[in-house]
Structure formats: structure tokens, C-alpha cells
Protein backbone atom coordinates (compact mmCIF):
# COMPACT_ATOMS: atom_id res chain seq x y z
CA MET A 1 -127.00 -59.75 27.97
CA PHE A 2 -126.03 -59.31 24.32
CA ILE A 3 -124.06 -61.66 22.23
CA ARG A 4 -121.15 -59.49 21.28
CA ARG A 5 -118.61 -57.79 23.53
CA LEU A 6 -116.89 -54.82 21.86
CA SER A 7 -113.67 -53.06 22.36
CA ILE A 8 -113.83 -49.26 21.92
CA VAL A 9 -110.53 -47.32 22.07
CA CYS A 10 -109.41 -43.84 21.22
CA VAL A 11 -106.46 -43.59 18.88
CA ALA A 12 -104.34 -40.40 18.96
CA VAL A 13 -102.37 -39.11 16.01
CA ASP A 14 -99.15 -40.51 17.51
CA GLY A 15 -100.75 -43.94 17.70
CA ALA A 16 -101.32 -43.93 21.50
CA VAL A 17 -104.35 -46.03 22.36
CA THR A 18 -106.58 -45.56 25.42
CA PRO A 19 -109.86 -47.22 26.30
CA CYS A 20 -112.79 -44.91 25.59
CA PRO A 21 -114.26 -43.78 28.97
CA VAL A 22 -117.50 -45.49 29.88
CA LYS A 23 -118.93 -42.02 30.42
CA TRP A 24 -118.62 -41.22 26.65
CA ILE A 25 -119.95 -44.58 25.66
CA ASP A 26 -122.96 -44.12 27.99
CA SER A 27 -123.57 -40.59 26.60
CA PHE A 28 -123.68 -41.98 23.06
CA SER A 29 -125.88 -44.89 24.02
CA MET A 30 -128.39 -42.83 25.93
CA ARG A 31 -128.58 -40.26 23.15
CA ASN A 32 -129.15 -43.00 20.56
CA PHE A 33 -131.75 -44.86 22.57
CA THR A 34 -134.45 -42.81 21.06
CA ASN A 35 -132.81 -41.46 17.89
CA ASP A 36 -131.56 -44.53 16.02
CA ALA A 37 -133.18 -47.94 16.59
CA VAL A 38 -130.17 -49.87 15.31
CA PHE A 39 -128.19 -48.77 18.38
CA ASP A 40 -130.90 -49.75 20.92
CA ASP A 41 -129.05 -53.06 21.15
CA THR A 42 -125.97 -51.69 22.94
CA LEU A 43 -124.98 -51.67 26.60
CA PRO A 44 -121.95 -49.73 28.00
CA LEU A 45 -120.06 -51.94 30.46
CA ALA A 46 -116.76 -50.26 31.49
CA ASP A 47 -114.02 -48.10 30.01
CA GLY A 48 -113.42 -49.40 26.50
CA CYS A 49 -116.10 -52.08 26.69
CA MET A 50 -119.63 -52.37 25.46
CA GLU A 51 -121.99 -55.24 24.58
CA ALA A 52 -124.06 -55.22 21.33
CA GLY A 53 -126.49 -57.25 19.50
CA LEU A 54 -125.85 -58.86 16.19
CA ARG A 55 -127.73 -56.19 14.14
CA VAL A 56 -125.36 -53.44 15.31
CA PRO A 57 -123.00 -52.73 12.35
CA LEU A 58 -119.50 -51.99 13.74
CA ASP A 59 -118.48 -49.60 10.99
CA LEU A 60 -121.64 -47.47 11.42
CA LEU A 61 -121.27 -47.63 15.18
CA ARG A 62 -117.58 -46.29 14.96
CA THR A 63 -118.56 -43.61 12.52
CA ARG A 64 -121.58 -42.41 14.65
CA MET A 65 -119.59 -42.59 17.88
CA GLU A 66 -116.78 -40.52 16.42
CA ASP A 67 -119.26 -37.88 15.24
CA TRP A 68 -121.04 -37.75 18.55
CA PHE A 69 -117.79 -37.57 20.51
CA ARG A 70 -116.46 -34.75 18.36
CA ARG A 71 -119.74 -32.78 18.79
CA LYS A 72 -119.48 -33.27 22.59
CA GLY A 73 -115.82 -32.15 22.54
CA TYR A 74 -114.58 -35.60 23.75
CA LEU A 75 -112.67 -36.50 20.61
CA ALA A 76 -110.35 -34.08 18.76
CA LYS A 77 -110.57 -33.75 15.01
CA ASP A 78 -107.43 -35.68 14.39
CA GLU A 79 -108.24 -38.55 16.83
CA SER A 80 -110.22 -41.56 15.83
CA LEU A 81 -111.89 -44.63 17.39
CA GLN A 82 -111.30 -48.30 16.79
CA VAL A 83 -114.22 -50.61 17.39
CA ARG A 84 -113.74 -54.33 17.21
CA GLU A 85 -115.47 -57.43 18.50
CA LEU A 86 -113.60 -59.05 21.38
CA ALA A 87 -112.59 -62.73 21.04
CA ALA A 88 -114.39 -65.35 23.08
CA GLY A 89 -113.17 -65.19 26.62
CA GLU A 90 -111.55 -61.68 26.12
CA THR A 91 -113.17 -59.43 28.59
CA THR A 92 -111.50 -55.99 28.01
CA PRO A 93 -109.49 -54.18 25.33
CA SER A 94 -106.01 -55.73 25.35
CA THR A 95 -102.52 -54.70 24.24
CA HIS A 96 -103.45 -56.40 20.99
CA ASP A 97 -105.44 -53.14 20.13
CA GLU A 98 -102.46 -50.94 20.94
CA ASN A 99 -99.85 -53.06 19.15
CA LEU A 100 -102.02 -53.39 16.11
CA LEU A 101 -102.70 -49.72 15.84
CA ARG A 102 -99.02 -48.71 16.48
CA SER A 103 -97.98 -51.04 13.58
CA GLN A 104 -100.58 -49.55 11.27
CA ALA A 105 -99.42 -45.99 12.16
CA GLN A 106 -95.77 -46.91 11.44
CA GLU A 107 -96.83 -48.33 8.10
CA GLN A 108 -98.58 -45.15 7.11
CA SER A 109 -95.71 -42.90 7.98
């Protein structure tokens, strides 16, 4: 339906990566349907996966999702989200996400 398919993963302090549950993504999308027009062009698909239109800024989406998930108790204070556009033909978050985030966590320690 939308032109971009996004990967949404939760990143724990230890670098462990898990796909964000579709229930969380849906909760965010439904809440924002009437509260922020920029996110009207989003569609939850599955755990860790959402479609979005071109006008949805990924950094703002990540920030707002993290805030909403923390207020709902889904995401701990020291956890974060990673939101990225999937490559053409890539249908779900891959081990690329996990490997990239582990390497970034190792560089920071």
C-alpha cells in the first residue's frame, strides 16, 4: 500500500535485538491516527515491520514511538528502538539489524 517498508526493532542495553511486537506498533499507529497527521501514512504489518509513506520522517517516528512505548510500559528507560527502511525485496527485519547493533554496542563499550 505504501512505498516504504520499515524495520522496527527493540534494542536492549546488552545489544540484544528483537522485532517490535505488532501489537505495540498498532497501538502507536491507532493513537497517532487522530493526533499527528504526519503518521497517518503508516500501516503495521507484522512483528518488526510497518509500511510508511514518503512524508514520514524516520527519526521523528523513532522518537515518538519510543516515547509512546515508554508511556505504555512496553519499553524500558534504558532500551531503545531502531527504525530503518528495508531494502528492496527485504520483507522482514534481518540479522543485519542485530549484527549492526551488536557491533555499535561493542564500539561504545
